[in-house]
């Protein structure tokens, strides 16, 4: 039975990484993109809910992860990197060609620079991960602020569940405003 465990871990890693990659592609689809077959006419295309769907897929991958240990944190960083790679492949596909045309960098290196650039596309998401980990540490230590917020209501469905999505949205918005 132990021989199947590494295969299961690999499948989970592959599935979650694929969620991050597809989420990044959806995220890119939320912004106007010049259609390649109509470059002369200047038509653009976008999927307005793409950013929401993309971020939702990233959160689903995080939710499956749990972010409890250091290894999970490293995996979450990897998920963000795959998310950024999906954003790069769907939204910044033109970057290596621009690097080659205007920078004079030959073909394999311009694509390598583009992939390395993809890691820096969304620094606010790395900040978001850091803030989530910080909030987890603070709430696990039962600091009075967090315990006073969540201790008053203990029905079947905790208030944490209702507050989590808007708080995450507020946190991501805060990170996107103040991160270059």
N, C-alpha and C. Protein backbone atom coordinates (compact mmCIF):
# COMPACT_ATOMS: atom_id res chain seq x y z
N UNK A 1 0.82 -1.20 0.00
CA UNK A 1 0.00 0.00 0.00
C UNK A 1 0.86 1.26 0.00
N UNK A 2 2.02 1.20 0.59
CA UNK A 2 2.90 2.36 0.61
C UNK A 2 3.45 2.68 -0.77
N UNK A 3 3.48 1.71 -1.65
CA UNK A 3 4.01 1.97 -2.99
C UNK A 3 3.08 2.88 -3.80
N UNK A 4 1.80 2.90 -3.47
CA UNK A 4 0.86 3.75 -4.19
C UNK A 4 0.88 5.19 -3.68
N UNK A 5 1.43 5.41 -2.49
CA UNK A 5 1.40 6.74 -1.91
C UNK A 5 2.18 7.77 -2.73
N UNK A 6 3.41 7.51 -3.19
CA UNK A 6 4.09 8.51 -4.01
C UNK A 6 3.34 8.83 -5.30
N UNK A 7 2.70 7.82 -5.88
CA UNK A 7 1.93 8.05 -7.09
C UNK A 7 0.75 8.97 -6.79
N UNK A 8 0.10 8.79 -5.64
CA UNK A 8 -1.01 9.64 -5.24
C UNK A 8 -0.53 11.07 -5.02
N UNK A 9 0.62 11.22 -4.37
CA UNK A 9 1.16 12.56 -4.12
C UNK A 9 1.46 13.25 -5.44
N UNK A 10 2.03 12.51 -6.39
CA UNK A 10 2.32 13.10 -7.69
C UNK A 10 1.04 13.51 -8.41
N UNK A 11 0.00 12.67 -8.33
CA UNK A 11 -1.27 13.02 -8.98
C UNK A 11 -1.87 14.28 -8.36
N UNK A 12 -1.81 14.39 -7.03
CA UNK A 12 -2.32 15.58 -6.36
C UNK A 12 -1.52 16.82 -6.77
N UNK A 13 -0.20 16.68 -6.80
CA UNK A 13 0.66 17.79 -7.22
C UNK A 13 0.33 18.20 -8.65
N UNK A 14 0.17 17.23 -9.52
CA UNK A 14 -0.14 17.52 -10.92
C UNK A 14 -1.50 18.20 -11.04
N UNK A 15 -2.51 17.68 -10.33
CA UNK A 15 -3.85 18.24 -10.42
C UNK A 15 -3.89 19.68 -9.90
N UNK A 16 -3.28 19.92 -8.75
CA UNK A 16 -3.29 21.26 -8.17
C UNK A 16 -2.48 22.24 -9.02
N UNK A 17 -1.36 21.77 -9.54
CA UNK A 17 -0.55 22.63 -10.41
C UNK A 17 -1.30 22.97 -11.68
N UNK A 18 -2.03 22.00 -12.21
CA UNK A 18 -2.85 22.24 -13.39
C UNK A 18 -3.96 23.25 -13.08
N UNK A 19 -4.55 23.16 -11.89
CA UNK A 19 -5.55 24.15 -11.48
C UNK A 19 -4.94 25.54 -11.47
N UNK A 20 -3.73 25.66 -10.92
CA UNK A 20 -3.05 26.95 -10.90
C UNK A 20 -2.76 27.47 -12.30
N UNK A 21 -2.29 26.59 -13.18
CA UNK A 21 -1.97 26.98 -14.56
C UNK A 21 -3.22 27.43 -15.31
N UNK A 22 -4.28 26.65 -15.21
CA UNK A 22 -5.54 27.01 -15.88
C UNK A 22 -6.13 28.27 -15.25
N UNK A 23 -6.00 28.40 -13.93
CA UNK A 23 -6.47 29.61 -13.27
C UNK A 23 -5.75 30.85 -13.77
N UNK A 24 -4.45 30.74 -13.99
CA UNK A 24 -3.70 31.86 -14.54
C UNK A 24 -4.14 32.22 -15.94
N UNK A 25 -4.46 31.21 -16.74
CA UNK A 25 -4.95 31.47 -18.10
C UNK A 25 -6.32 32.16 -18.06
N UNK A 26 -7.18 31.72 -17.15
CA UNK A 26 -8.48 32.39 -17.00
C UNK A 26 -8.28 33.82 -16.51
N UNK A 27 -7.35 34.01 -15.59
CA UNK A 27 -7.06 35.35 -15.08
C UNK A 27 -6.66 36.28 -16.22
N UNK A 28 -5.83 35.78 -17.13
CA UNK A 28 -5.40 36.58 -18.28
C UNK A 28 -6.56 36.87 -19.22
N UNK A 29 -7.52 35.96 -19.30
CA UNK A 29 -8.64 36.17 -20.22
C UNK A 29 -9.57 37.29 -19.76
N UNK A 30 -9.42 37.74 -18.54
CA UNK A 30 -10.24 38.83 -18.04
C UNK A 30 -9.80 40.20 -18.53
N UNK A 31 -8.64 40.27 -19.16
CA UNK A 31 -8.12 41.53 -19.67
C UNK A 31 -8.20 41.52 -21.19
N UNK A 32 -8.39 42.69 -21.80
CA UNK A 32 -8.50 42.73 -23.27
C UNK A 32 -7.21 42.24 -23.95
N UNK A 33 -7.39 41.36 -24.92
CA UNK A 33 -6.28 40.80 -25.68
C UNK A 33 -6.55 41.09 -27.15
N UNK A 34 -5.53 41.56 -27.85
CA UNK A 34 -5.65 41.80 -29.28
C UNK A 34 -5.71 40.46 -29.99
N UNK A 35 -6.74 40.25 -30.77
CA UNK A 35 -6.89 38.98 -31.48
C UNK A 35 -5.84 38.85 -32.57
N UNK A 36 -5.14 37.71 -32.62
CA UNK A 36 -4.05 37.57 -33.60
C UNK A 36 -4.52 37.60 -35.05
N UNK A 37 -5.72 37.12 -35.32
CA UNK A 37 -6.20 37.07 -36.71
C UNK A 37 -6.79 38.40 -37.16
N UNK A 38 -6.94 39.35 -36.23
CA UNK A 38 -7.50 40.65 -36.61
C UNK A 38 -6.62 41.79 -36.11
N UNK A 39 -5.31 41.62 -36.22
CA UNK A 39 -4.39 42.63 -35.72
C UNK A 39 -4.53 43.94 -36.49
N UNK A 40 -4.90 43.85 -37.75
CA UNK A 40 -5.06 45.07 -38.54
C UNK A 40 -6.28 45.87 -38.12
N UNK A 41 -7.34 45.18 -37.72
CA UNK A 41 -8.57 45.89 -37.34
C UNK A 41 -8.55 46.35 -35.89
N UNK A 42 -7.65 45.81 -35.09
CA UNK A 42 -7.53 46.24 -33.70
C UNK A 42 -8.62 45.72 -32.78
N UNK A 43 -9.26 44.62 -33.14
CA UNK A 43 -10.30 44.05 -32.30
C UNK A 43 -9.69 43.39 -31.07
N UNK A 44 -10.35 43.56 -29.96
CA UNK A 44 -9.89 42.91 -28.73
C UNK A 44 -10.98 41.99 -28.22
N UNK A 45 -10.57 41.07 -27.39
CA UNK A 45 -11.49 40.09 -26.82
C UNK A 45 -11.15 39.96 -25.34
N UNK A 46 -12.17 39.77 -24.52
CA UNK A 46 -11.93 39.49 -23.10
C UNK A 46 -13.12 38.73 -22.54
N UNK A 47 -12.86 38.04 -21.46
CA UNK A 47 -13.90 37.31 -20.72
C UNK A 47 -14.00 38.02 -19.36
N UNK A 48 -15.01 38.87 -19.15
CA UNK A 48 -15.06 39.72 -17.97
C UNK A 48 -14.96 38.98 -16.64
N UNK A 49 -15.45 37.76 -16.57
CA UNK A 49 -15.38 37.01 -15.31
C UNK A 49 -14.10 36.19 -15.21
N UNK A 50 -13.20 36.34 -16.16
CA UNK A 50 -11.98 35.54 -16.18
C UNK A 50 -11.11 35.71 -14.96
N UNK A 51 -10.98 36.94 -14.47
CA UNK A 51 -10.14 37.16 -13.29
C UNK A 51 -10.74 36.49 -12.07
N UNK A 52 -12.06 36.55 -11.95
CA UNK A 52 -12.71 35.90 -10.81
C UNK A 52 -12.58 34.38 -10.88
N UNK A 53 -12.81 33.83 -12.06
CA UNK A 53 -12.70 32.37 -12.23
C UNK A 53 -11.27 31.92 -11.99
N UNK A 54 -10.31 32.67 -12.52
CA UNK A 54 -8.90 32.31 -12.33
C UNK A 54 -8.49 32.34 -10.87
N UNK A 55 -8.87 33.39 -10.16
CA UNK A 55 -8.52 33.47 -8.75
C UNK A 55 -9.25 32.41 -7.95
N UNK A 56 -10.49 32.11 -8.33
CA UNK A 56 -11.24 31.04 -7.66
C UNK A 56 -10.52 29.70 -7.81
N UNK A 57 -10.02 29.41 -9.02
CA UNK A 57 -9.30 28.15 -9.22
C UNK A 57 -8.02 28.10 -8.39
N UNK A 58 -7.35 29.23 -8.25
CA UNK A 58 -6.16 29.27 -7.39
C UNK A 58 -6.54 29.01 -5.94
N UNK A 59 -7.64 29.61 -5.48
CA UNK A 59 -8.08 29.38 -4.10
C UNK A 59 -8.52 27.94 -3.89
N UNK A 60 -9.12 27.32 -4.90
CA UNK A 60 -9.48 25.91 -4.79
C UNK A 60 -8.23 25.07 -4.60
N UNK A 61 -7.19 25.38 -5.35
CA UNK A 61 -5.92 24.65 -5.20
C UNK A 61 -5.33 24.91 -3.82
N UNK A 62 -5.43 26.14 -3.31
CA UNK A 62 -4.96 26.43 -1.96
C UNK A 62 -5.80 25.69 -0.92
N UNK A 63 -7.10 25.67 -1.14
CA UNK A 63 -8.01 25.04 -0.17
C UNK A 63 -7.70 23.56 -0.04
N UNK A 64 -7.39 22.92 -1.14
CA UNK A 64 -7.02 21.51 -1.09
C UNK A 64 -5.71 21.34 -0.35
N UNK A 65 -4.88 22.38 -0.39
CA UNK A 65 -3.56 22.31 0.21
C UNK A 65 -3.61 22.44 1.72
N UNK A 66 -4.32 23.42 2.24
CA UNK A 66 -4.42 23.61 3.66
C UNK A 66 -3.39 24.56 4.24
N UNK A 67 -2.20 24.62 3.69
CA UNK A 67 -1.14 25.53 4.12
C UNK A 67 -0.80 25.38 5.60
N UNK A 68 -0.66 24.18 6.08
CA UNK A 68 -0.39 23.99 7.50
C UNK A 68 1.09 23.85 7.83
N UNK A 69 1.87 23.27 6.97
CA UNK A 69 3.27 23.03 7.28
C UNK A 69 4.16 23.86 6.35
N UNK A 70 5.46 23.83 6.62
CA UNK A 70 6.39 24.53 5.77
C UNK A 70 6.42 23.95 4.37
N UNK A 71 6.29 22.64 4.27
CA UNK A 71 6.24 21.99 2.95
C UNK A 71 5.01 22.46 2.18
N UNK A 72 3.90 22.63 2.87
CA UNK A 72 2.70 23.13 2.22
C UNK A 72 2.88 24.57 1.75
N UNK A 73 3.63 25.36 2.52
CA UNK A 73 3.90 26.73 2.11
C UNK A 73 4.75 26.75 0.86
N UNK A 74 5.74 25.89 0.79
CA UNK A 74 6.56 25.79 -0.42
C UNK A 74 5.71 25.37 -1.61
N UNK A 75 4.79 24.46 -1.38
CA UNK A 75 3.90 24.04 -2.46
C UNK A 75 2.97 25.18 -2.87
N UNK A 76 2.53 26.00 -1.91
CA UNK A 76 1.69 27.15 -2.24
C UNK A 76 2.45 28.16 -3.10
N UNK A 77 3.73 28.34 -2.80
CA UNK A 77 4.56 29.21 -3.64
C UNK A 77 4.65 28.64 -5.05
N UNK A 78 4.77 27.31 -5.13
CA UNK A 78 4.79 26.65 -6.43
C UNK A 78 3.47 26.84 -7.17
N UNK A 79 2.35 26.79 -6.44
CA UNK A 79 1.04 27.02 -7.06
C UNK A 79 0.95 28.43 -7.64
N UNK A 80 1.44 29.40 -6.88
CA UNK A 80 1.42 30.78 -7.38
C UNK A 80 2.31 30.90 -8.62
N UNK A 81 3.44 30.20 -8.61
CA UNK A 81 4.33 30.23 -9.78
C UNK A 81 3.62 29.63 -11.00
N UNK A 82 2.88 28.54 -10.81
CA UNK A 82 2.13 27.96 -11.93
C UNK A 82 1.01 28.90 -12.38
N UNK A 83 0.38 29.58 -11.44
CA UNK A 83 -0.65 30.56 -11.77
C UNK A 83 -0.04 31.68 -12.62
N UNK A 84 1.12 32.17 -12.21
CA UNK A 84 1.81 33.22 -12.98
C UNK A 84 2.23 32.70 -14.35
N UNK A 85 2.64 31.44 -14.42
CA UNK A 85 3.02 30.86 -15.71
C UNK A 85 1.81 30.78 -16.64
N UNK A 86 0.64 30.41 -16.11
CA UNK A 86 -0.58 30.41 -16.92
C UNK A 86 -0.94 31.80 -17.40
N UNK A 87 -0.76 32.79 -16.53
CA UNK A 87 -1.00 34.18 -16.92
C UNK A 87 -0.04 34.60 -18.02
N UNK A 88 1.20 34.20 -17.89
CA UNK A 88 2.22 34.53 -18.90
C UNK A 88 1.89 33.87 -20.24
N UNK A 89 1.54 32.59 -20.22
CA UNK A 89 1.29 31.86 -21.47
C UNK A 89 0.06 32.39 -22.20
N UNK A 90 -0.96 32.82 -21.45
CA UNK A 90 -2.19 33.28 -22.09
C UNK A 90 -2.21 34.79 -22.32
N UNK A 91 -1.48 35.55 -21.51
CA UNK A 91 -1.58 37.00 -21.62
C UNK A 91 -0.32 37.70 -22.07
N UNK A 92 0.83 37.11 -21.82
CA UNK A 92 2.10 37.74 -22.18
C UNK A 92 2.89 36.88 -23.16
N UNK A 93 2.18 36.13 -23.99
CA UNK A 93 2.82 35.24 -24.96
C UNK A 93 3.70 36.02 -25.95
N UNK A 94 3.45 37.29 -26.11
CA UNK A 94 4.18 38.13 -27.05
C UNK A 94 5.53 38.60 -26.52
N UNK A 95 5.76 38.45 -25.24
CA UNK A 95 6.96 39.00 -24.62
C UNK A 95 8.27 38.46 -25.20
N UNK A 96 8.44 37.14 -25.39
CA UNK A 96 9.71 36.66 -25.96
C UNK A 96 10.00 37.22 -27.36
N UNK A 97 8.96 37.42 -28.15
CA UNK A 97 9.16 37.96 -29.49
C UNK A 97 9.58 39.43 -29.42
N UNK A 98 9.05 40.15 -28.45
CA UNK A 98 9.46 41.54 -28.25
C UNK A 98 10.90 41.61 -27.76
N UNK A 99 11.27 40.71 -26.85
CA UNK A 99 12.65 40.67 -26.36
C UNK A 99 13.61 40.37 -27.51
N UNK A 100 13.21 39.48 -28.40
CA UNK A 100 14.07 39.14 -29.54
C UNK A 100 14.16 40.32 -30.52
N UNK A 101 13.02 40.94 -30.78
CA UNK A 101 12.98 42.02 -31.78
C UNK A 101 13.72 43.27 -31.30
N UNK A 102 13.44 43.70 -30.09
CA UNK A 102 14.01 44.97 -29.62
C UNK A 102 15.25 44.80 -28.75
N UNK A 103 15.42 43.62 -28.17
CA UNK A 103 16.58 43.40 -27.33
C UNK A 103 17.70 42.66 -28.02
N UNK A 104 17.38 42.03 -29.15
CA UNK A 104 18.39 41.29 -29.90
C UNK A 104 18.85 40.03 -29.20
N UNK A 105 18.03 39.49 -28.31
CA UNK A 105 18.39 38.26 -27.59
C UNK A 105 17.91 37.08 -28.42
N UNK A 106 18.78 36.10 -28.69
CA UNK A 106 18.40 34.98 -29.55
C UNK A 106 17.29 34.11 -28.96
N UNK A 107 16.76 33.25 -29.81
CA UNK A 107 15.52 32.53 -29.54
C UNK A 107 15.45 31.70 -28.26
N UNK A 108 16.34 30.83 -27.92
CA UNK A 108 16.05 30.07 -26.70
C UNK A 108 16.13 30.94 -25.44
N UNK A 109 16.97 31.96 -25.47
CA UNK A 109 17.15 32.78 -24.28
C UNK A 109 16.00 33.76 -24.07
N UNK A 110 15.38 34.23 -25.14
CA UNK A 110 14.25 35.14 -24.98
C UNK A 110 13.06 34.43 -24.34
N UNK A 111 12.86 33.16 -24.69
CA UNK A 111 11.77 32.40 -24.06
C UNK A 111 12.10 32.09 -22.60
N UNK A 112 13.35 31.80 -22.32
CA UNK A 112 13.77 31.57 -20.93
C UNK A 112 13.57 32.82 -20.09
N UNK A 113 13.93 33.98 -20.62
CA UNK A 113 13.70 35.24 -19.91
C UNK A 113 12.21 35.48 -19.69
N UNK A 114 11.40 35.14 -20.68
CA UNK A 114 9.95 35.30 -20.53
C UNK A 114 9.39 34.43 -19.42
N UNK A 115 9.85 33.18 -19.34
CA UNK A 115 9.38 32.28 -18.28
C UNK A 115 9.86 32.77 -16.92
N UNK A 116 11.10 33.24 -16.84
CA UNK A 116 11.59 33.79 -15.57
C UNK A 116 10.82 35.05 -15.18
N UNK A 117 10.45 35.86 -16.17
CA UNK A 117 9.65 37.04 -15.92
C UNK A 117 8.28 36.66 -15.36
N UNK A 118 7.77 35.52 -15.77
CA UNK A 118 6.44 35.10 -15.31
C UNK A 118 6.39 34.92 -13.80
N UNK A 119 7.52 34.60 -13.19
CA UNK A 119 7.54 34.45 -11.73
C UNK A 119 7.31 35.77 -11.02
N UNK A 120 7.55 36.88 -11.70
CA UNK A 120 7.42 38.20 -11.10
C UNK A 120 6.17 38.95 -11.54
N UNK A 121 5.29 38.30 -12.27
CA UNK A 121 4.11 38.99 -12.79
C UNK A 121 3.17 39.45 -11.69
N UNK A 122 2.97 38.65 -10.68
CA UNK A 122 2.01 38.97 -9.62
C UNK A 122 2.67 38.92 -8.24
N UNK A 123 3.50 39.90 -7.92
CA UNK A 123 4.14 39.87 -6.60
C UNK A 123 3.13 40.00 -5.47
N UNK A 124 1.96 40.59 -5.75
CA UNK A 124 0.96 40.74 -4.70
C UNK A 124 0.41 39.39 -4.24
N UNK A 125 0.48 38.37 -5.08
CA UNK A 125 0.00 37.05 -4.67
C UNK A 125 0.97 36.39 -3.69
N UNK A 126 2.26 36.65 -3.88
CA UNK A 126 3.23 36.16 -2.90
C UNK A 126 3.03 36.89 -1.57
N UNK A 127 2.75 38.20 -1.64
CA UNK A 127 2.45 38.97 -0.43
C UNK A 127 1.17 38.46 0.21
N UNK A 128 0.18 38.13 -0.60
CA UNK A 128 -1.07 37.57 -0.11
C UNK A 128 -0.82 36.27 0.66
N UNK A 129 0.03 35.41 0.12
CA UNK A 129 0.37 34.16 0.80
C UNK A 129 1.05 34.44 2.14
N UNK A 130 1.96 35.40 2.14
CA UNK A 130 2.65 35.76 3.39
C UNK A 130 1.65 36.27 4.42
N UNK A 131 0.71 37.12 4.01
CA UNK A 131 -0.29 37.64 4.96
C UNK A 131 -1.22 36.54 5.46
N UNK A 132 -1.58 35.60 4.60
CA UNK A 132 -2.41 34.47 5.03
C UNK A 132 -1.67 33.66 6.10
N UNK A 133 -0.39 33.38 5.85
CA UNK A 133 0.40 32.63 6.83
C UNK A 133 0.52 33.40 8.14
N UNK A 134 0.68 34.72 8.05
CA UNK A 134 0.76 35.54 9.26
C UNK A 134 -0.55 35.51 10.02
N UNK A 135 -1.67 35.61 9.32
CA UNK A 135 -2.98 35.54 9.98
C UNK A 135 -3.21 34.17 10.61
N UNK A 136 -2.73 33.11 9.95
CA UNK A 136 -2.86 31.78 10.54
C UNK A 136 -2.07 31.68 11.83
N UNK A 137 -0.87 32.24 11.84
CA UNK A 137 -0.07 32.21 13.07
C UNK A 137 -0.74 32.99 14.18
N UNK A 138 -1.27 34.17 13.84
CA UNK A 138 -1.92 34.99 14.86
C UNK A 138 -3.17 34.31 15.40
N UNK A 139 -3.96 33.71 14.53
CA UNK A 139 -5.19 33.07 15.00
C UNK A 139 -4.89 31.77 15.76
N UNK A 140 -3.80 31.08 15.43
CA UNK A 140 -3.44 29.87 16.16
C UNK A 140 -2.92 30.17 17.55
N UNK A 141 -2.40 31.36 17.76
CA UNK A 141 -1.89 31.72 19.08
C UNK A 141 -2.98 32.29 19.98
N UNK A 142 -4.21 32.31 19.48
CA UNK A 142 -5.36 32.80 20.24
C UNK A 142 -5.15 34.21 20.76
N UNK A 143 -4.69 35.06 19.91
CA UNK A 143 -4.56 36.47 20.28
C UNK A 143 -5.96 37.02 20.53
N UNK A 144 -6.09 37.88 21.50
CA UNK A 144 -7.39 38.35 21.96
C UNK A 144 -8.23 38.95 20.84
N UNK A 145 -7.61 39.63 19.91
CA UNK A 145 -8.36 40.25 18.83
C UNK A 145 -9.13 39.22 18.01
N UNK A 146 -8.44 38.16 17.60
CA UNK A 146 -9.09 37.15 16.77
C UNK A 146 -10.08 36.31 17.58
N UNK A 147 -9.72 35.99 18.81
CA UNK A 147 -10.63 35.16 19.60
C UNK A 147 -11.89 35.94 19.97
N UNK A 148 -11.79 37.26 20.16
CA UNK A 148 -12.99 38.02 20.49
C UNK A 148 -13.92 38.14 19.28
N UNK A 149 -13.36 38.16 18.09
CA UNK A 149 -14.20 38.25 16.89
C UNK A 149 -15.00 36.97 16.69
N UNK A 150 -14.36 35.82 16.87
CA UNK A 150 -14.98 34.57 16.48
C UNK A 150 -15.57 33.76 17.64
N UNK A 151 -15.40 34.21 18.86
CA UNK A 151 -15.88 33.38 19.97
C UNK A 151 -17.34 33.63 20.33
N UNK A 152 -17.89 34.76 19.93
CA UNK A 152 -19.25 35.08 20.36
C UNK A 152 -20.30 34.22 19.66
N UNK A 153 -20.08 33.83 18.42
CA UNK A 153 -21.06 33.04 17.69
C UNK A 153 -20.54 31.63 17.47
N UNK A 154 -21.29 30.65 17.90
CA UNK A 154 -20.93 29.25 17.69
C UNK A 154 -22.12 28.44 17.17
N UNK A 155 -22.82 28.92 16.13
CA UNK A 155 -23.88 28.09 15.58
C UNK A 155 -23.28 26.98 14.73
N UNK A 156 -24.16 26.25 14.02
CA UNK A 156 -23.68 25.18 13.17
C UNK A 156 -22.65 25.68 12.16
N UNK A 157 -22.97 26.78 11.54
CA UNK A 157 -22.06 27.38 10.56
C UNK A 157 -21.38 28.56 11.22
N UNK A 158 -20.08 28.49 11.37
CA UNK A 158 -19.33 29.53 12.04
C UNK A 158 -19.33 30.82 11.22
N UNK A 159 -19.18 31.93 11.91
CA UNK A 159 -19.11 33.21 11.21
C UNK A 159 -17.84 33.30 10.38
N UNK A 160 -16.83 32.51 10.73
CA UNK A 160 -15.59 32.49 9.94
C UNK A 160 -15.88 32.12 8.49
N UNK A 161 -16.78 31.18 8.31
CA UNK A 161 -17.10 30.74 6.95
C UNK A 161 -17.70 31.88 6.15
N UNK A 162 -18.58 32.65 6.77
CA UNK A 162 -19.22 33.75 6.06
C UNK A 162 -18.28 34.92 5.82
N UNK A 163 -17.34 35.12 6.71
CA UNK A 163 -16.42 36.24 6.58
C UNK A 163 -15.20 35.94 5.73
N UNK A 164 -14.91 34.67 5.50
CA UNK A 164 -13.66 34.31 4.85
C UNK A 164 -13.56 34.84 3.42
N UNK A 165 -14.58 34.64 2.60
CA UNK A 165 -14.50 35.07 1.21
C UNK A 165 -14.37 36.59 1.08
N UNK A 166 -15.21 37.38 1.77
CA UNK A 166 -15.02 38.84 1.66
C UNK A 166 -13.68 39.31 2.23
N UNK A 167 -13.22 38.67 3.29
CA UNK A 167 -11.92 39.06 3.86
C UNK A 167 -10.78 38.73 2.91
N UNK A 168 -10.86 37.57 2.26
CA UNK A 168 -9.83 37.22 1.27
C UNK A 168 -9.86 38.19 0.10
N UNK A 169 -11.05 38.55 -0.36
CA UNK A 169 -11.17 39.50 -1.46
C UNK A 169 -10.60 40.86 -1.06
N UNK A 170 -10.88 41.29 0.15
CA UNK A 170 -10.35 42.56 0.64
C UNK A 170 -8.83 42.50 0.76
N UNK A 171 -8.32 41.38 1.24
CA UNK A 171 -6.88 41.21 1.39
C UNK A 171 -6.18 41.22 0.04
N UNK A 172 -6.73 40.53 -0.95
CA UNK A 172 -6.13 40.52 -2.29
C UNK A 172 -6.19 41.92 -2.90
N UNK A 173 -7.31 42.61 -2.73
CA UNK A 173 -7.43 43.97 -3.26
C UNK A 173 -6.41 44.89 -2.61
N UNK A 174 -6.24 44.76 -1.31
CA UNK A 174 -5.23 45.55 -0.58
C UNK A 174 -3.84 45.27 -1.13
N UNK A 175 -3.54 44.00 -1.34
CA UNK A 175 -2.22 43.62 -1.88
C UNK A 175 -2.02 44.16 -3.29
N UNK A 176 -3.07 44.13 -4.10
CA UNK A 176 -2.95 44.61 -5.48
C UNK A 176 -2.80 46.12 -5.55
N UNK A 177 -3.38 46.84 -4.60
CA UNK A 177 -3.27 48.29 -4.61
C UNK A 177 -1.86 48.73 -4.22
N UNK A 178 -1.30 48.10 -3.21
CA UNK A 178 -0.04 48.58 -2.65
C UNK A 178 1.20 47.82 -3.11
N UNK A 179 1.05 46.87 -4.02
CA UNK A 179 2.20 46.15 -4.55
C UNK A 179 2.43 46.60 -5.98
N UNK A 180 3.67 46.97 -6.31
CA UNK A 180 3.92 47.44 -7.69
C UNK A 180 3.79 46.33 -8.70
